[in-house]
Amino acid sequence: MRIHAILLMIATMLLVACHKDELEPTELTSNPFDSDYVGADLFSLDGAVIESYVEDLVTYYRYRVRVRVHTELLLPNQVFSVRMQRLPDGPVTSLHSSQLQSDLFSVLLEDFELGNTYCWSFSMGNNNEWGGGNNVCYTVE
């Protein structure tokens, strides 16, 4: 009788210890690599400057915008790619995390006007799958 009670108690403990709440897939939105990511912005404006450069003895100007990738939202040493597009319908380009300098990268705007606001769409990805992201806008001053 005593052995039956002990076995029943062990079986009950195993069942209780192994019980896990069921996951609701629609509530799993905290992974930046998921397209339905809901969380802090992954990208933000770090600074901007108008640069001049000379080509064929002609001086040109471009606007360099520094964008920060919030890698603190990722696992340490996480490899990723950034997809970017100037809105509303610019070409889509991407860069790999190995190309970043201290979690920063730049986008260049050759055709700009002072006082105008420009926006880019950025998203995080890996293994050719694109997840969460956000837009970054800035006004040329």
N, C-alpha and C. Protein backbone atom coordinates (compact mmCIF):
# COMPACT_ATOMS: atom_id res chain seq x y z
N MET A 1 0.83 -1.19 0.00
CA MET A 1 0.00 0.00 0.00
C MET A 1 0.87 1.26 0.00
N ARG A 2 1.92 1.18 0.81
CA ARG A 2 2.81 2.34 0.90
C ARG A 2 3.50 2.59 -0.45
N ILE A 3 3.90 1.55 -1.15
CA ILE A 3 4.56 1.69 -2.45
C ILE A 3 3.59 2.29 -3.46
N HIS A 4 2.31 1.90 -3.41
CA HIS A 4 1.32 2.46 -4.32
C HIS A 4 1.16 3.96 -4.08
N ALA A 5 1.15 4.36 -2.84
CA ALA A 5 1.02 5.78 -2.51
C ALA A 5 2.23 6.56 -3.01
N ILE A 6 3.41 5.99 -2.83
CA ILE A 6 4.64 6.66 -3.29
C ILE A 6 4.64 6.76 -4.81
N LEU A 7 4.28 5.68 -5.50
CA LEU A 7 4.23 5.71 -6.96
C LEU A 7 3.19 6.72 -7.46
N LEU A 8 2.04 6.78 -6.80
CA LEU A 8 1.01 7.75 -7.18
C LEU A 8 1.50 9.17 -6.97
N MET A 9 2.22 9.39 -5.87
CA MET A 9 2.75 10.73 -5.59
C MET A 9 3.81 11.11 -6.63
N ILE A 10 4.68 10.19 -7.01
CA ILE A 10 5.72 10.46 -8.02
C ILE A 10 5.07 10.73 -9.37
N ALA A 11 4.08 9.94 -9.73
CA ALA A 11 3.39 10.14 -11.01
C ALA A 11 2.71 11.50 -11.04
N THR A 12 2.08 11.88 -9.95
CA THR A 12 1.42 13.19 -9.88
C THR A 12 2.43 14.32 -10.00
N MET A 13 3.56 14.17 -9.32
CA MET A 13 4.61 15.21 -9.39
C MET A 13 5.15 15.33 -10.81
N LEU A 14 5.35 14.22 -11.48
CA LEU A 14 5.85 14.26 -12.86
C LEU A 14 4.85 14.93 -13.79
N LEU A 15 3.59 14.63 -13.63
CA LEU A 15 2.57 15.24 -14.47
C LEU A 15 2.48 16.75 -14.23
N VAL A 16 2.54 17.15 -12.99
CA VAL A 16 2.45 18.57 -12.66
C VAL A 16 3.71 19.30 -13.11
N ALA A 17 4.88 18.70 -12.91
CA ALA A 17 6.14 19.34 -13.26
C ALA A 17 6.28 19.50 -14.77
N CYS A 18 5.71 18.61 -15.54
CA CYS A 18 5.85 18.67 -16.99
C CYS A 18 4.77 19.50 -17.67
N HIS A 19 3.79 19.95 -16.92
CA HIS A 19 2.70 20.73 -17.52
C HIS A 19 3.22 22.09 -17.98
N LYS A 20 2.91 22.42 -19.19
CA LYS A 20 3.28 23.72 -19.74
C LYS A 20 2.02 24.34 -20.32
N ASP A 21 1.94 25.65 -20.15
CA ASP A 21 0.80 26.34 -20.74
C ASP A 21 0.92 26.28 -22.26
N GLU A 22 -0.20 26.22 -22.92
CA GLU A 22 -0.18 26.20 -24.37
C GLU A 22 0.22 27.57 -24.89
N LEU A 23 0.98 27.55 -25.97
CA LEU A 23 1.40 28.80 -26.60
C LEU A 23 0.34 29.26 -27.58
N GLU A 24 0.14 30.55 -27.60
CA GLU A 24 -0.77 31.16 -28.56
C GLU A 24 0.10 31.86 -29.61
N PRO A 25 0.21 31.30 -30.82
CA PRO A 25 1.11 31.86 -31.83
C PRO A 25 0.89 33.34 -32.11
N THR A 26 -0.33 33.82 -32.04
CA THR A 26 -0.59 35.24 -32.33
C THR A 26 -0.01 36.16 -31.27
N GLU A 27 0.35 35.60 -30.10
CA GLU A 27 0.93 36.42 -29.04
C GLU A 27 2.45 36.43 -29.09
N LEU A 28 3.05 35.64 -29.97
CA LEU A 28 4.51 35.58 -30.10
C LEU A 28 4.97 36.64 -31.09
N THR A 29 5.12 37.86 -30.63
CA THR A 29 5.45 38.98 -31.52
C THR A 29 6.70 39.73 -31.08
N SER A 30 7.53 39.14 -30.24
CA SER A 30 8.68 39.86 -29.71
C SER A 30 10.00 39.51 -30.42
N ASN A 31 9.95 38.67 -31.44
CA ASN A 31 11.15 38.31 -32.18
C ASN A 31 11.33 39.27 -33.35
N PRO A 32 12.42 40.07 -33.36
CA PRO A 32 12.63 41.04 -34.44
C PRO A 32 12.72 40.43 -35.83
N PHE A 33 12.93 39.12 -35.91
CA PHE A 33 13.03 38.47 -37.22
C PHE A 33 11.69 37.96 -37.73
N ASP A 34 10.63 38.14 -36.96
CA ASP A 34 9.29 37.78 -37.40
C ASP A 34 8.62 38.97 -38.07
N SER A 35 7.89 38.73 -39.12
CA SER A 35 7.24 39.82 -39.85
C SER A 35 6.18 40.53 -39.01
N ASP A 36 5.64 39.84 -38.01
CA ASP A 36 4.62 40.48 -37.16
C ASP A 36 5.22 41.01 -35.85
N TYR A 37 6.52 41.34 -35.87
CA TYR A 37 7.21 41.87 -34.70
C TYR A 37 6.50 43.12 -34.18
N VAL A 38 6.27 43.14 -32.88
CA VAL A 38 5.70 44.30 -32.20
C VAL A 38 6.63 44.58 -31.02
N GLY A 39 7.29 45.69 -31.05
CA GLY A 39 8.22 46.01 -29.98
C GLY A 39 8.89 47.34 -30.26
N ALA A 40 9.98 47.57 -29.57
CA ALA A 40 10.73 48.82 -29.73
C ALA A 40 11.25 48.93 -31.17
N ASP A 41 11.45 50.17 -31.60
CA ASP A 41 12.01 50.39 -32.93
C ASP A 41 13.36 49.70 -33.06
N LEU A 42 13.58 49.07 -34.19
CA LEU A 42 14.85 48.39 -34.46
C LEU A 42 15.87 49.35 -35.06
N PHE A 43 15.40 50.47 -35.61
CA PHE A 43 16.27 51.43 -36.28
C PHE A 43 15.90 52.84 -35.83
N SER A 44 16.92 53.70 -35.72
CA SER A 44 16.65 55.10 -35.36
C SER A 44 17.69 56.00 -36.02
N LEU A 45 17.33 57.25 -36.15
CA LEU A 45 18.21 58.27 -36.71
C LEU A 45 19.31 58.58 -35.70
N ASP A 46 20.57 58.52 -36.13
CA ASP A 46 21.69 58.81 -35.25
C ASP A 46 22.30 60.18 -35.56
N GLY A 47 22.07 60.70 -36.73
CA GLY A 47 22.61 62.00 -37.11
C GLY A 47 22.60 62.15 -38.62
N ALA A 48 22.81 63.36 -39.06
CA ALA A 48 22.82 63.62 -40.50
C ALA A 48 23.69 64.84 -40.78
N VAL A 49 24.26 64.86 -41.98
CA VAL A 49 25.14 65.97 -42.35
C VAL A 49 25.14 66.12 -43.88
N ILE A 50 25.26 67.35 -44.34
CA ILE A 50 25.43 67.61 -45.76
C ILE A 50 26.93 67.56 -46.06
N GLU A 51 27.29 66.77 -47.06
CA GLU A 51 28.69 66.61 -47.45
C GLU A 51 28.89 67.15 -48.86
N SER A 52 30.06 67.65 -49.09
CA SER A 52 30.42 68.03 -50.46
C SER A 52 31.49 67.07 -50.95
N TYR A 53 31.48 66.84 -52.25
CA TYR A 53 32.52 66.02 -52.85
C TYR A 53 32.74 66.53 -54.27
N VAL A 54 33.92 66.29 -54.79
CA VAL A 54 34.30 66.79 -56.12
C VAL A 54 34.47 65.60 -57.06
N GLU A 55 33.85 65.74 -58.22
CA GLU A 55 33.97 64.72 -59.26
C GLU A 55 34.14 65.44 -60.59
N ASP A 56 35.21 65.16 -61.30
CA ASP A 56 35.52 65.83 -62.57
C ASP A 56 35.51 67.34 -62.41
N LEU A 57 36.13 67.82 -61.36
CA LEU A 57 36.28 69.24 -61.04
C LEU A 57 34.96 69.96 -60.76
N VAL A 58 33.91 69.21 -60.53
CA VAL A 58 32.60 69.79 -60.20
C VAL A 58 32.28 69.41 -58.75
N THR A 59 31.82 70.39 -57.97
CA THR A 59 31.46 70.13 -56.59
C THR A 59 29.98 69.73 -56.50
N TYR A 60 29.72 68.62 -55.83
CA TYR A 60 28.37 68.12 -55.63
C TYR A 60 28.10 68.04 -54.12
N TYR A 61 26.83 67.95 -53.80
CA TYR A 61 26.43 67.83 -52.39
C TYR A 61 25.53 66.61 -52.23
N ARG A 62 25.67 65.98 -51.11
CA ARG A 62 24.80 64.86 -50.76
C ARG A 62 24.51 64.93 -49.27
N TYR A 63 23.43 64.28 -48.91
CA TYR A 63 23.00 64.26 -47.51
C TYR A 63 23.27 62.86 -46.97
N ARG A 64 24.12 62.78 -45.94
CA ARG A 64 24.46 61.49 -45.32
C ARG A 64 23.67 61.37 -44.02
N VAL A 65 22.87 60.31 -43.93
CA VAL A 65 22.06 60.04 -42.74
C VAL A 65 22.61 58.79 -42.07
N ARG A 66 22.99 58.94 -40.80
CA ARG A 66 23.47 57.79 -40.03
C ARG A 66 22.29 57.14 -39.32
N VAL A 67 22.19 55.84 -39.47
CA VAL A 67 21.09 55.07 -38.88
C VAL A 67 21.69 54.08 -37.89
N ARG A 68 21.09 54.00 -36.72
CA ARG A 68 21.52 53.05 -35.69
C ARG A 68 20.63 51.82 -35.71
N VAL A 69 21.27 50.65 -35.67
CA VAL A 69 20.56 49.39 -35.52
C VAL A 69 20.58 49.07 -34.02
N HIS A 70 19.44 48.87 -33.46
CA HIS A 70 19.36 48.59 -32.02
C HIS A 70 19.63 47.12 -31.75
N THR A 71 20.92 46.78 -31.81
CA THR A 71 21.34 45.40 -31.63
C THR A 71 21.14 44.90 -30.20
N GLU A 72 20.89 45.81 -29.27
CA GLU A 72 20.60 45.36 -27.90
C GLU A 72 19.30 44.56 -27.83
N LEU A 73 18.49 44.65 -28.88
CA LEU A 73 17.25 43.88 -28.95
C LEU A 73 17.46 42.47 -29.52
N LEU A 74 18.70 42.19 -29.91
CA LEU A 74 19.04 40.90 -30.51
C LEU A 74 19.91 40.09 -29.56
N LEU A 75 20.10 38.83 -29.88
CA LEU A 75 21.03 38.00 -29.13
C LEU A 75 22.45 38.51 -29.38
N PRO A 76 23.36 38.32 -28.43
CA PRO A 76 24.75 38.75 -28.65
C PRO A 76 25.34 38.11 -29.90
N ASN A 77 26.07 38.90 -30.66
CA ASN A 77 26.75 38.45 -31.88
C ASN A 77 25.79 37.88 -32.93
N GLN A 78 24.55 38.31 -32.91
CA GLN A 78 23.56 37.85 -33.87
C GLN A 78 23.92 38.36 -35.27
N VAL A 79 23.94 37.47 -36.23
CA VAL A 79 24.18 37.84 -37.62
C VAL A 79 22.84 38.19 -38.24
N PHE A 80 22.79 39.28 -38.99
CA PHE A 80 21.54 39.72 -39.60
C PHE A 80 21.83 40.53 -40.84
N SER A 81 20.78 40.85 -41.56
CA SER A 81 20.85 41.76 -42.70
C SER A 81 19.83 42.86 -42.50
N VAL A 82 20.08 43.98 -43.15
CA VAL A 82 19.15 45.11 -43.12
C VAL A 82 18.67 45.36 -44.54
N ARG A 83 17.37 45.39 -44.71
CA ARG A 83 16.79 45.74 -46.01
C ARG A 83 16.30 47.17 -45.90
N MET A 84 16.57 47.96 -46.92
CA MET A 84 16.19 49.37 -46.88
C MET A 84 15.61 49.82 -48.21
N GLN A 85 14.69 50.77 -48.09
CA GLN A 85 14.06 51.34 -49.28
C GLN A 85 13.68 52.78 -48.97
N ARG A 86 14.09 53.69 -49.86
CA ARG A 86 13.64 55.07 -49.74
C ARG A 86 12.17 55.11 -50.14
N LEU A 87 11.38 55.72 -49.28
CA LEU A 87 9.94 55.79 -49.54
C LEU A 87 9.61 56.99 -50.41
N PRO A 88 8.63 56.89 -51.28
CA PRO A 88 7.63 55.84 -51.31
C PRO A 88 7.99 54.64 -52.19
N ASP A 89 8.89 54.80 -53.16
CA ASP A 89 9.08 53.70 -54.11
C ASP A 89 10.51 53.60 -54.63
N GLY A 90 11.48 53.88 -53.77
CA GLY A 90 12.87 53.77 -54.18
C GLY A 90 13.30 52.32 -54.33
N PRO A 91 14.49 52.12 -54.87
CA PRO A 91 14.98 50.74 -55.03
C PRO A 91 15.24 50.10 -53.66
N VAL A 92 15.10 48.79 -53.59
CA VAL A 92 15.36 48.04 -52.37
C VAL A 92 16.81 47.56 -52.39
N THR A 93 17.53 47.84 -51.32
CA THR A 93 18.90 47.37 -51.18
C THR A 93 19.04 46.72 -49.80
N SER A 94 20.16 46.04 -49.61
CA SER A 94 20.38 45.42 -48.30
C SER A 94 21.87 45.44 -47.98
N LEU A 95 22.16 45.28 -46.70
CA LEU A 95 23.54 45.15 -46.26
C LEU A 95 23.59 44.13 -45.14
N HIS A 96 24.75 43.53 -44.98
CA HIS A 96 24.96 42.49 -43.98
C HIS A 96 25.52 43.12 -42.70
N SER A 97 25.24 42.51 -41.56
CA SER A 97 25.70 43.05 -40.29
C SER A 97 27.22 43.20 -40.22
N SER A 98 27.94 42.41 -40.99
CA SER A 98 29.41 42.54 -41.00
C SER A 98 29.86 43.87 -41.60
N GLN A 99 28.98 44.55 -42.31
CA GLN A 99 29.31 45.83 -42.93
C GLN A 99 29.06 47.03 -42.00
N LEU A 100 28.50 46.77 -40.82
CA LEU A 100 28.19 47.86 -39.89
C LEU A 100 29.44 48.29 -39.14
N GLN A 101 29.44 49.55 -38.74
CA GLN A 101 30.49 50.09 -37.89
C GLN A 101 29.84 50.52 -36.59
N SER A 102 30.08 49.76 -35.54
CA SER A 102 29.50 50.08 -34.22
C SER A 102 27.99 50.23 -34.29
N ASP A 103 27.33 49.29 -34.93
CA ASP A 103 25.87 49.27 -35.04
C ASP A 103 25.31 50.43 -35.86
N LEU A 104 26.15 51.06 -36.67
CA LEU A 104 25.72 52.20 -37.49
C LEU A 104 25.97 51.91 -38.97
N PHE A 105 25.10 52.49 -39.79
CA PHE A 105 25.35 52.53 -41.22
C PHE A 105 24.78 53.84 -41.75
N SER A 106 25.15 54.17 -42.97
CA SER A 106 24.70 55.43 -43.57
C SER A 106 23.90 55.18 -44.82
N VAL A 107 22.94 56.07 -45.06
CA VAL A 107 22.26 56.12 -46.34
C VAL A 107 22.56 57.48 -46.93
N LEU A 108 22.72 57.52 -48.23
CA LEU A 108 23.07 58.76 -48.91
C LEU A 108 21.91 59.23 -49.78
N LEU A 109 21.71 60.52 -49.76
CA LEU A 109 20.65 61.13 -50.57
C LEU A 109 21.31 62.17 -51.45
N GLU A 110 21.32 61.90 -52.74
CA GLU A 110 21.97 62.81 -53.70
C GLU A 110 21.04 63.93 -54.14
N ASP A 111 19.76 63.62 -54.27
CA ASP A 111 18.78 64.61 -54.74
C ASP A 111 17.90 65.03 -53.57
N PHE A 112 18.22 66.15 -52.97
CA PHE A 112 17.48 66.61 -51.80
C PHE A 112 17.29 68.11 -51.86
N GLU A 113 16.33 68.59 -51.10
CA GLU A 113 16.08 70.02 -50.98
C GLU A 113 15.99 70.36 -49.50
N LEU A 114 16.60 71.47 -49.12
CA LEU A 114 16.54 71.92 -47.73
C LEU A 114 15.09 72.09 -47.30
N GLY A 115 14.78 71.65 -46.10
CA GLY A 115 13.43 71.77 -45.55
C GLY A 115 12.51 70.61 -45.86
N ASN A 116 12.88 69.77 -46.82
CA ASN A 116 12.04 68.61 -47.15
C ASN A 116 12.30 67.45 -46.20
N THR A 117 11.28 66.65 -45.97
CA THR A 117 11.40 65.46 -45.14
C THR A 117 11.46 64.23 -46.03
N TYR A 118 12.38 63.35 -45.71
CA TYR A 118 12.58 62.11 -46.47
C TYR A 118 12.47 60.93 -45.52
N CYS A 119 11.93 59.83 -46.02
CA CYS A 119 11.73 58.64 -45.18
C CYS A 119 12.32 57.41 -45.86
N TRP A 120 12.79 56.51 -45.02
CA TRP A 120 13.29 55.22 -45.44
C TRP A 120 12.58 54.15 -44.65
N SER A 121 12.36 53.02 -45.27
CA SER A 121 11.82 51.84 -44.59
C SER A 121 12.97 50.87 -44.38
N PHE A 122 13.15 50.43 -43.13
CA PHE A 122 14.20 49.48 -42.79
C PHE A 122 13.57 48.24 -42.17
N SER A 123 14.10 47.07 -42.50
CA SER A 123 13.63 45.85 -41.85
C SER A 123 14.81 44.92 -41.58
N MET A 124 14.64 44.08 -40.59
CA MET A 124 15.65 43.15 -40.11
C MET A 124 15.42 41.79 -40.75
N GLY A 125 16.49 41.10 -41.07
CA GLY A 125 16.32 39.79 -41.66
C GLY A 125 17.51 38.87 -41.42
N ASN A 126 17.28 37.60 -41.67
CA ASN A 126 18.36 36.60 -41.72
C ASN A 126 17.88 35.44 -42.57
N ASN A 127 18.83 34.77 -43.19
CA ASN A 127 18.52 33.63 -44.07
C ASN A 127 17.50 33.99 -45.15
N ASN A 128 17.61 35.18 -45.69
CA ASN A 128 16.74 35.68 -46.76
C ASN A 128 15.27 35.76 -46.38
N GLU A 129 14.99 35.81 -45.10
CA GLU A 129 13.63 36.04 -44.59
C GLU A 129 13.63 37.39 -43.89
N TRP A 130 12.61 38.19 -44.14
CA TRP A 130 12.57 39.55 -43.59
C TRP A 130 11.52 39.66 -42.51
N GLY A 131 11.91 40.28 -41.42
CA GLY A 131 11.04 40.39 -40.26
C GLY A 131 10.65 41.82 -39.96
N GLY A 132 10.74 42.15 -38.69
CA GLY A 132 10.29 43.45 -38.20
C GLY A 132 11.16 44.60 -38.69
N GLY A 133 10.59 45.76 -38.57
CA GLY A 133 11.32 46.96 -38.95
C GLY A 133 10.49 48.19 -38.69
N ASN A 134 11.01 49.32 -39.10
CA ASN A 134 10.28 50.57 -38.92
C ASN A 134 10.82 51.59 -39.92
N ASN A 135 10.07 52.67 -40.05
CA ASN A 135 10.48 53.77 -40.92
C ASN A 135 11.30 54.76 -40.10
N VAL A 136 12.24 55.41 -40.77
CA VAL A 136 13.02 56.49 -40.20
C VAL A 136 12.89 57.68 -41.13
N CYS A 137 12.45 58.80 -40.59
CA CYS A 137 12.27 60.01 -41.38
C CYS A 137 13.16 61.11 -40.83
N TYR A 138 13.55 62.03 -41.69
CA TYR A 138 14.39 63.14 -41.28
C TYR A 138 14.12 64.32 -42.20
N THR A 139 14.33 65.51 -41.68
CA THR A 139 14.16 66.73 -42.44
C THR A 139 15.54 67.33 -42.71
N VAL A 140 15.83 67.63 -43.97
CA VAL A 140 17.11 68.19 -44.34
C VAL A 140 17.18 69.63 -43.85
N GLU A 141 18.21 69.90 -43.05
CA GLU A 141 18.39 71.26 -42.51
C GLU A 141 19.74 71.81 -42.88
